[in-house]
Amino acid sequence: MPYEIVDHKADVGLHVSGGDLARLFADAARGMFGIISAEPPEGWPESHRVELEADDTEQLIVDWLSELIYLFEVKKFFLLDAEVAEIGPKKIVADVSGLRTRGAFAGTEIKAVTHHLLSIDKTLKGFETTIYFDL
């Protein structure tokens, strides 16, 4: 599995590894929505294009996941998949697909993506990171 949920004192973490930055970011998005709910809610298909720039890769992943939380909270969009079209150390362009939910559903509420102990590390197999979320 490309991600693993990590217990943390009052929050929850997500350890993600990917062969490249595109896979790392896509799997981080899938993992975060796996924390929100193991089962997708009822809804109808919807997709969005997300384009972001940041000062560095760590800030970029925080902004990326924060934008997806925004889409979930405000537009009721539950991500099922992410296709990264373009990525660099400071920029991401991705198409996300999922479901527009029919309303509230039981799930874990993620309030924010944190910078706590955040680093994106290059490994022999690609990249890895652990991201913590405020619940």
N, C-alpha and C. Protein backbone atom coordinates (compact mmCIF):
# COMPACT_ATOMS: atom_id res chain seq x y z
N MET A 1 0.84 -1.18 0.00
CA MET A 1 0.00 0.00 0.00
C MET A 1 0.89 1.24 0.00
N PRO A 2 0.56 2.24 -0.79
CA PRO A 2 1.44 3.41 -0.90
C PRO A 2 1.35 4.37 0.29
N TYR A 3 0.38 4.13 1.18
CA TYR A 3 0.30 4.97 2.37
C TYR A 3 -0.11 4.14 3.56
N GLU A 4 0.21 4.68 4.75
CA GLU A 4 -0.11 4.01 6.01
C GLU A 4 -0.54 5.07 7.01
N ILE A 5 -1.64 4.85 7.69
CA ILE A 5 -2.12 5.78 8.71
C ILE A 5 -1.30 5.58 9.97
N VAL A 6 -0.84 6.70 10.56
CA VAL A 6 0.03 6.69 11.72
C VAL A 6 -0.70 7.35 12.88
N ASP A 7 -0.76 6.67 14.02
CA ASP A 7 -1.37 7.27 15.21
C ASP A 7 -0.45 8.34 15.78
N HIS A 8 -1.05 9.38 16.31
CA HIS A 8 -0.31 10.48 16.93
C HIS A 8 -1.16 10.98 18.08
N LYS A 9 -0.56 11.59 19.08
CA LYS A 9 -1.26 11.99 20.31
C LYS A 9 -2.70 12.41 20.08
N ALA A 10 -2.93 13.61 19.61
CA ALA A 10 -4.30 14.10 19.43
C ALA A 10 -4.67 14.19 17.95
N ASP A 11 -3.73 13.91 17.09
CA ASP A 11 -3.93 14.07 15.66
C ASP A 11 -3.79 12.71 14.97
N VAL A 12 -3.73 12.75 13.67
CA VAL A 12 -3.47 11.53 12.90
C VAL A 12 -2.42 11.86 11.85
N GLY A 13 -1.58 10.89 11.57
CA GLY A 13 -0.54 11.07 10.57
C GLY A 13 -0.74 10.11 9.41
N LEU A 14 -0.04 10.41 8.34
CA LEU A 14 -0.10 9.60 7.14
C LEU A 14 1.31 9.47 6.59
N HIS A 15 1.83 8.26 6.56
CA HIS A 15 3.15 8.02 5.97
C HIS A 15 2.92 7.59 4.53
N VAL A 16 3.54 8.31 3.60
CA VAL A 16 3.33 8.07 2.17
C VAL A 16 4.67 7.89 1.48
N SER A 17 4.70 6.94 0.55
CA SER A 17 5.89 6.77 -0.28
C SER A 17 5.46 6.65 -1.73
N GLY A 18 6.30 7.14 -2.62
CA GLY A 18 5.98 7.09 -4.04
C GLY A 18 7.24 7.09 -4.87
N GLY A 19 7.19 6.47 -6.02
CA GLY A 19 8.35 6.39 -6.90
C GLY A 19 8.79 7.73 -7.44
N ASP A 20 7.86 8.69 -7.50
CA ASP A 20 8.18 10.05 -7.92
C ASP A 20 7.25 11.02 -7.19
N LEU A 21 7.49 12.31 -7.39
CA LEU A 21 6.66 13.30 -6.68
C LEU A 21 5.19 13.22 -7.08
N ALA A 22 4.91 12.94 -8.33
CA ALA A 22 3.52 12.84 -8.78
C ALA A 22 2.80 11.74 -8.01
N ARG A 23 3.42 10.59 -7.88
CA ARG A 23 2.80 9.47 -7.15
C ARG A 23 2.68 9.81 -5.67
N LEU A 24 3.69 10.45 -5.09
CA LEU A 24 3.66 10.82 -3.68
C LEU A 24 2.47 11.74 -3.41
N PHE A 25 2.28 12.77 -4.23
CA PHE A 25 1.20 13.72 -4.03
C PHE A 25 -0.17 13.06 -4.26
N ALA A 26 -0.28 12.24 -5.29
CA ALA A 26 -1.56 11.56 -5.57
C ALA A 26 -1.92 10.61 -4.43
N ASP A 27 -0.94 9.84 -3.96
CA ASP A 27 -1.22 8.90 -2.88
C ASP A 27 -1.48 9.60 -1.55
N ALA A 28 -0.84 10.75 -1.32
CA ALA A 28 -1.14 11.53 -0.12
C ALA A 28 -2.60 11.99 -0.13
N ALA A 29 -3.08 12.39 -1.30
CA ALA A 29 -4.49 12.81 -1.42
C ALA A 29 -5.42 11.63 -1.15
N ARG A 30 -5.14 10.48 -1.76
CA ARG A 30 -5.97 9.29 -1.54
C ARG A 30 -5.94 8.88 -0.08
N GLY A 31 -4.76 8.92 0.51
CA GLY A 31 -4.62 8.55 1.92
C GLY A 31 -5.39 9.47 2.84
N MET A 32 -5.34 10.77 2.57
CA MET A 32 -6.08 11.72 3.41
C MET A 32 -7.58 11.44 3.33
N PHE A 33 -8.08 11.15 2.14
CA PHE A 33 -9.51 10.84 2.03
C PHE A 33 -9.83 9.47 2.61
N GLY A 34 -8.83 8.58 2.68
CA GLY A 34 -9.01 7.32 3.39
C GLY A 34 -9.17 7.54 4.89
N ILE A 35 -8.52 8.57 5.41
CA ILE A 35 -8.70 8.94 6.82
C ILE A 35 -10.11 9.50 7.03
N ILE A 36 -10.55 10.36 6.13
CA ILE A 36 -11.88 10.97 6.25
C ILE A 36 -12.94 9.89 6.27
N SER A 37 -12.86 8.93 5.36
CA SER A 37 -13.84 7.84 5.33
C SER A 37 -13.28 6.67 4.53
N ALA A 38 -13.37 5.48 5.11
CA ALA A 38 -12.91 4.28 4.42
C ALA A 38 -13.82 3.94 3.25
N GLU A 39 -15.07 4.33 3.34
CA GLU A 39 -16.05 4.08 2.28
C GLU A 39 -16.50 5.42 1.70
N PRO A 40 -16.51 5.56 0.37
CA PRO A 40 -16.96 6.82 -0.22
C PRO A 40 -18.45 7.06 0.07
N PRO A 41 -18.82 8.30 0.23
CA PRO A 41 -20.24 8.62 0.46
C PRO A 41 -21.03 8.49 -0.84
N GLU A 42 -22.33 8.58 -0.71
CA GLU A 42 -23.18 8.61 -1.91
C GLU A 42 -23.02 9.97 -2.59
N GLY A 43 -23.11 9.97 -3.90
CA GLY A 43 -22.99 11.22 -4.63
C GLY A 43 -22.92 10.97 -6.12
N TRP A 44 -22.66 12.01 -6.87
CA TRP A 44 -22.57 11.90 -8.32
C TRP A 44 -21.18 12.32 -8.76
N PRO A 45 -20.71 11.80 -9.90
CA PRO A 45 -19.34 12.06 -10.35
C PRO A 45 -19.07 13.55 -10.57
N GLU A 46 -17.85 13.95 -10.19
CA GLU A 46 -17.43 15.34 -10.37
C GLU A 46 -15.91 15.34 -10.47
N SER A 47 -15.38 16.34 -11.16
CA SER A 47 -13.93 16.47 -11.24
C SER A 47 -13.54 17.95 -11.16
N HIS A 48 -12.28 18.18 -10.79
CA HIS A 48 -11.75 19.54 -10.67
C HIS A 48 -10.30 19.52 -11.15
N ARG A 49 -9.85 20.66 -11.65
CA ARG A 49 -8.43 20.86 -11.94
C ARG A 49 -7.88 21.74 -10.82
N VAL A 50 -6.76 21.32 -10.26
CA VAL A 50 -6.11 22.06 -9.17
C VAL A 50 -4.73 22.49 -9.67
N GLU A 51 -4.46 23.79 -9.59
CA GLU A 51 -3.17 24.35 -9.97
C GLU A 51 -2.65 25.19 -8.82
N LEU A 52 -1.48 24.85 -8.31
CA LEU A 52 -0.92 25.56 -7.16
C LEU A 52 0.57 25.79 -7.33
N GLU A 53 1.05 26.87 -6.73
CA GLU A 53 2.49 27.15 -6.64
C GLU A 53 2.80 27.48 -5.19
N ALA A 54 4.01 27.12 -4.76
CA ALA A 54 4.44 27.38 -3.38
C ALA A 54 5.94 27.65 -3.37
N ASP A 55 6.45 28.02 -2.19
CA ASP A 55 7.87 28.35 -2.06
C ASP A 55 8.78 27.13 -2.11
N ASP A 56 8.27 25.97 -1.68
CA ASP A 56 9.07 24.75 -1.69
C ASP A 56 8.14 23.54 -1.72
N THR A 57 8.72 22.35 -1.83
CA THR A 57 7.93 21.13 -1.98
C THR A 57 7.10 20.83 -0.73
N GLU A 58 7.65 21.08 0.46
CA GLU A 58 6.90 20.82 1.68
C GLU A 58 5.67 21.72 1.76
N GLN A 59 5.85 23.00 1.44
CA GLN A 59 4.70 23.91 1.45
C GLN A 59 3.71 23.51 0.36
N LEU A 60 4.20 23.03 -0.76
CA LEU A 60 3.34 22.62 -1.86
C LEU A 60 2.42 21.46 -1.45
N ILE A 61 2.96 20.47 -0.73
CA ILE A 61 2.10 19.35 -0.33
C ILE A 61 1.07 19.78 0.71
N VAL A 62 1.46 20.71 1.59
CA VAL A 62 0.50 21.26 2.57
C VAL A 62 -0.60 22.01 1.83
N ASP A 63 -0.23 22.86 0.87
CA ASP A 63 -1.21 23.63 0.10
C ASP A 63 -2.11 22.70 -0.72
N TRP A 64 -1.54 21.66 -1.31
CA TRP A 64 -2.27 20.68 -2.11
C TRP A 64 -3.35 20.00 -1.28
N LEU A 65 -2.96 19.46 -0.13
CA LEU A 65 -3.93 18.77 0.71
C LEU A 65 -4.93 19.74 1.32
N SER A 66 -4.50 20.95 1.63
CA SER A 66 -5.42 21.97 2.16
C SER A 66 -6.46 22.36 1.12
N GLU A 67 -6.05 22.45 -0.14
CA GLU A 67 -6.99 22.77 -1.21
C GLU A 67 -8.03 21.65 -1.36
N LEU A 68 -7.60 20.41 -1.20
CA LEU A 68 -8.53 19.29 -1.28
C LEU A 68 -9.49 19.27 -0.09
N ILE A 69 -9.02 19.68 1.08
CA ILE A 69 -9.92 19.82 2.24
C ILE A 69 -10.95 20.90 1.95
N TYR A 70 -10.50 22.01 1.36
CA TYR A 70 -11.42 23.09 0.98
C TYR A 70 -12.50 22.55 0.02
N LEU A 71 -12.09 21.82 -1.01
CA LEU A 71 -13.07 21.27 -1.95
C LEU A 71 -14.06 20.34 -1.24
N PHE A 72 -13.57 19.59 -0.27
CA PHE A 72 -14.43 18.69 0.49
C PHE A 72 -15.41 19.47 1.37
N GLU A 73 -14.90 20.44 2.10
CA GLU A 73 -15.75 21.17 3.06
C GLU A 73 -16.72 22.12 2.37
N VAL A 74 -16.27 22.83 1.37
CA VAL A 74 -17.09 23.87 0.75
C VAL A 74 -17.91 23.34 -0.42
N LYS A 75 -17.30 22.53 -1.26
CA LYS A 75 -17.99 22.05 -2.45
C LYS A 75 -18.53 20.63 -2.30
N LYS A 76 -18.31 20.03 -1.11
CA LYS A 76 -18.80 18.68 -0.82
C LYS A 76 -18.24 17.65 -1.80
N PHE A 77 -16.97 17.84 -2.20
CA PHE A 77 -16.29 16.97 -3.15
C PHE A 77 -15.44 15.95 -2.41
N PHE A 78 -15.72 14.66 -2.61
CA PHE A 78 -14.96 13.57 -1.99
C PHE A 78 -14.05 12.96 -3.05
N LEU A 79 -12.75 13.10 -2.88
CA LEU A 79 -11.78 12.63 -3.86
C LEU A 79 -11.69 11.11 -3.89
N LEU A 80 -11.70 10.57 -5.09
CA LEU A 80 -11.46 9.14 -5.30
C LEU A 80 -10.13 8.90 -6.01
N ASP A 81 -9.72 9.84 -6.87
CA ASP A 81 -8.49 9.66 -7.63
C ASP A 81 -7.88 11.02 -7.97
N ALA A 82 -6.56 11.01 -8.14
CA ALA A 82 -5.83 12.22 -8.53
C ALA A 82 -4.84 11.86 -9.62
N GLU A 83 -4.89 12.61 -10.71
CA GLU A 83 -3.95 12.45 -11.83
C GLU A 83 -3.10 13.71 -11.88
N VAL A 84 -1.84 13.59 -11.55
CA VAL A 84 -0.95 14.74 -11.56
C VAL A 84 -0.44 14.93 -12.99
N ALA A 85 -0.82 16.07 -13.59
CA ALA A 85 -0.44 16.37 -14.98
C ALA A 85 0.95 17.00 -15.05
N GLU A 86 1.28 17.79 -14.03
CA GLU A 86 2.57 18.49 -14.01
C GLU A 86 2.97 18.69 -12.56
N ILE A 87 4.23 18.43 -12.26
CA ILE A 87 4.71 18.68 -10.90
C ILE A 87 6.19 19.03 -10.93
N GLY A 88 6.56 19.92 -10.04
CA GLY A 88 7.94 20.31 -9.83
C GLY A 88 8.10 20.61 -8.36
N PRO A 89 9.26 21.05 -7.94
CA PRO A 89 9.46 21.32 -6.52
C PRO A 89 8.55 22.42 -5.97
N LYS A 90 8.02 23.27 -6.88
CA LYS A 90 7.22 24.41 -6.41
C LYS A 90 5.87 24.54 -7.10
N LYS A 91 5.48 23.56 -7.92
CA LYS A 91 4.24 23.70 -8.69
C LYS A 91 3.58 22.35 -8.91
N ILE A 92 2.25 22.34 -8.85
CA ILE A 92 1.49 21.14 -9.18
C ILE A 92 0.27 21.53 -10.01
N VAL A 93 -0.01 20.73 -11.02
CA VAL A 93 -1.25 20.82 -11.80
C VAL A 93 -1.80 19.40 -11.80
N ALA A 94 -3.03 19.26 -11.31
CA ALA A 94 -3.61 17.92 -11.20
C ALA A 94 -5.10 17.96 -11.49
N ASP A 95 -5.58 16.83 -12.00
CA ASP A 95 -7.01 16.64 -12.20
C ASP A 95 -7.46 15.63 -11.14
N VAL A 96 -8.45 16.04 -10.36
CA VAL A 96 -8.96 15.16 -9.31
C VAL A 96 -10.38 14.77 -9.67
N SER A 97 -10.69 13.51 -9.44
CA SER A 97 -12.04 13.03 -9.71
C SER A 97 -12.59 12.38 -8.45
N GLY A 98 -13.90 12.41 -8.35
CA GLY A 98 -14.53 11.85 -7.17
C GLY A 98 -16.03 12.03 -7.23
N LEU A 99 -16.59 12.30 -6.06
CA LEU A 99 -18.04 12.41 -5.93
C LEU A 99 -18.43 13.71 -5.27
N ARG A 100 -19.45 14.32 -5.78
CA ARG A 100 -20.08 15.43 -5.08
C ARG A 100 -21.09 14.79 -4.15
N THR A 101 -20.90 14.97 -2.85
CA THR A 101 -21.73 14.26 -1.88
C THR A 101 -23.13 14.86 -1.80
N ARG A 102 -24.02 14.05 -1.36
CA ARG A 102 -25.42 14.46 -1.25
C ARG A 102 -25.72 15.21 0.04
N GLY A 103 -24.73 15.40 0.85
CA GLY A 103 -24.93 16.11 2.11
C GLY A 103 -23.95 15.60 3.14
N ALA A 104 -24.25 15.84 4.39
CA ALA A 104 -23.36 15.42 5.47
C ALA A 104 -23.34 13.89 5.57
N PHE A 105 -22.18 13.37 5.96
CA PHE A 105 -22.06 11.94 6.21
C PHE A 105 -21.07 11.73 7.34
N ALA A 106 -21.16 10.58 7.97
CA ALA A 106 -20.28 10.28 9.10
C ALA A 106 -18.87 10.02 8.57
N GLY A 107 -17.92 10.69 9.14
CA GLY A 107 -16.54 10.51 8.75
C GLY A 107 -15.64 11.27 9.71
N THR A 108 -14.34 11.14 9.54
CA THR A 108 -13.39 11.85 10.38
C THR A 108 -13.19 13.25 9.83
N GLU A 109 -13.37 14.23 10.69
CA GLU A 109 -13.20 15.62 10.26
C GLU A 109 -11.74 16.02 10.39
N ILE A 110 -11.13 16.37 9.28
CA ILE A 110 -9.77 16.91 9.28
C ILE A 110 -9.89 18.42 9.24
N LYS A 111 -9.35 19.07 10.28
CA LYS A 111 -9.43 20.53 10.36
C LYS A 111 -8.33 21.20 9.55
N ALA A 112 -7.12 20.61 9.58
CA ALA A 112 -6.00 21.26 8.89
C ALA A 112 -4.85 20.29 8.66
N VAL A 113 -4.05 20.60 7.66
CA VAL A 113 -2.79 19.91 7.40
C VAL A 113 -1.74 20.69 8.17
N THR A 114 -0.86 20.00 8.88
CA THR A 114 0.14 20.70 9.69
C THR A 114 1.52 20.60 9.05
N HIS A 115 2.42 21.43 9.57
CA HIS A 115 3.83 21.38 9.17
C HIS A 115 4.65 20.56 10.17
N HIS A 116 3.99 19.95 11.16
CA HIS A 116 4.65 19.22 12.24
C HIS A 116 5.55 18.11 11.67
N LEU A 117 6.84 18.22 11.91
CA LEU A 117 7.85 17.24 11.49
C LEU A 117 7.82 16.94 9.99
N LEU A 118 7.32 17.86 9.19
CA LEU A 118 7.15 17.62 7.76
C LEU A 118 8.46 17.77 7.00
N SER A 119 8.77 16.74 6.24
CA SER A 119 9.86 16.81 5.27
C SER A 119 9.55 15.79 4.18
N ILE A 120 9.93 16.11 2.98
CA ILE A 120 9.80 15.17 1.86
C ILE A 120 11.21 14.70 1.57
N ASP A 121 11.43 13.40 1.75
CA ASP A 121 12.77 12.84 1.66
C ASP A 121 12.92 11.99 0.41
N LYS A 122 14.07 12.13 -0.24
CA LYS A 122 14.43 11.31 -1.39
C LYS A 122 14.99 9.99 -0.85
N THR A 123 14.50 8.87 -1.38
CA THR A 123 14.97 7.55 -0.97
C THR A 123 15.47 6.80 -2.20
N LEU A 124 15.96 5.61 -2.00
CA LEU A 124 16.39 4.79 -3.13
C LEU A 124 15.22 4.41 -4.03
N LYS A 125 14.01 4.37 -3.47
CA LYS A 125 12.83 3.97 -4.23
C LYS A 125 11.99 5.15 -4.70
N GLY A 126 12.40 6.37 -4.39
CA GLY A 126 11.63 7.55 -4.80
C GLY A 126 11.60 8.60 -3.71
N PHE A 127 10.39 8.85 -3.20
CA PHE A 127 10.19 9.88 -2.18
C PHE A 127 9.30 9.32 -1.08
N GLU A 128 9.43 9.91 0.13
CA GLU A 128 8.53 9.56 1.22
C GLU A 128 8.36 10.76 2.15
N THR A 129 7.24 10.74 2.86
CA THR A 129 6.94 11.80 3.82
C THR A 129 5.95 11.27 4.84
N THR A 130 5.89 11.94 5.97
CA THR A 130 4.84 11.71 6.95
C THR A 130 4.17 13.05 7.20
N ILE A 131 2.86 13.07 7.04
CA ILE A 131 2.07 14.29 7.16
C ILE A 131 1.12 14.12 8.33
N TYR A 132 1.02 15.14 9.17
CA TYR A 132 0.10 15.10 10.30
C TYR A 132 -1.06 16.06 10.07
N PHE A 133 -2.24 15.64 10.53
CA PHE A 133 -3.46 16.41 10.36
C PHE A 133 -4.06 16.73 11.72
N ASP A 134 -4.54 17.98 11.87
CA ASP A 134 -5.32 18.35 13.05
C ASP A 134 -6.73 17.83 12.88
N LEU A 135 -7.22 17.14 13.89
CA LEU A 135 -8.59 16.61 13.84
C LEU A 135 -9.52 17.45 14.69
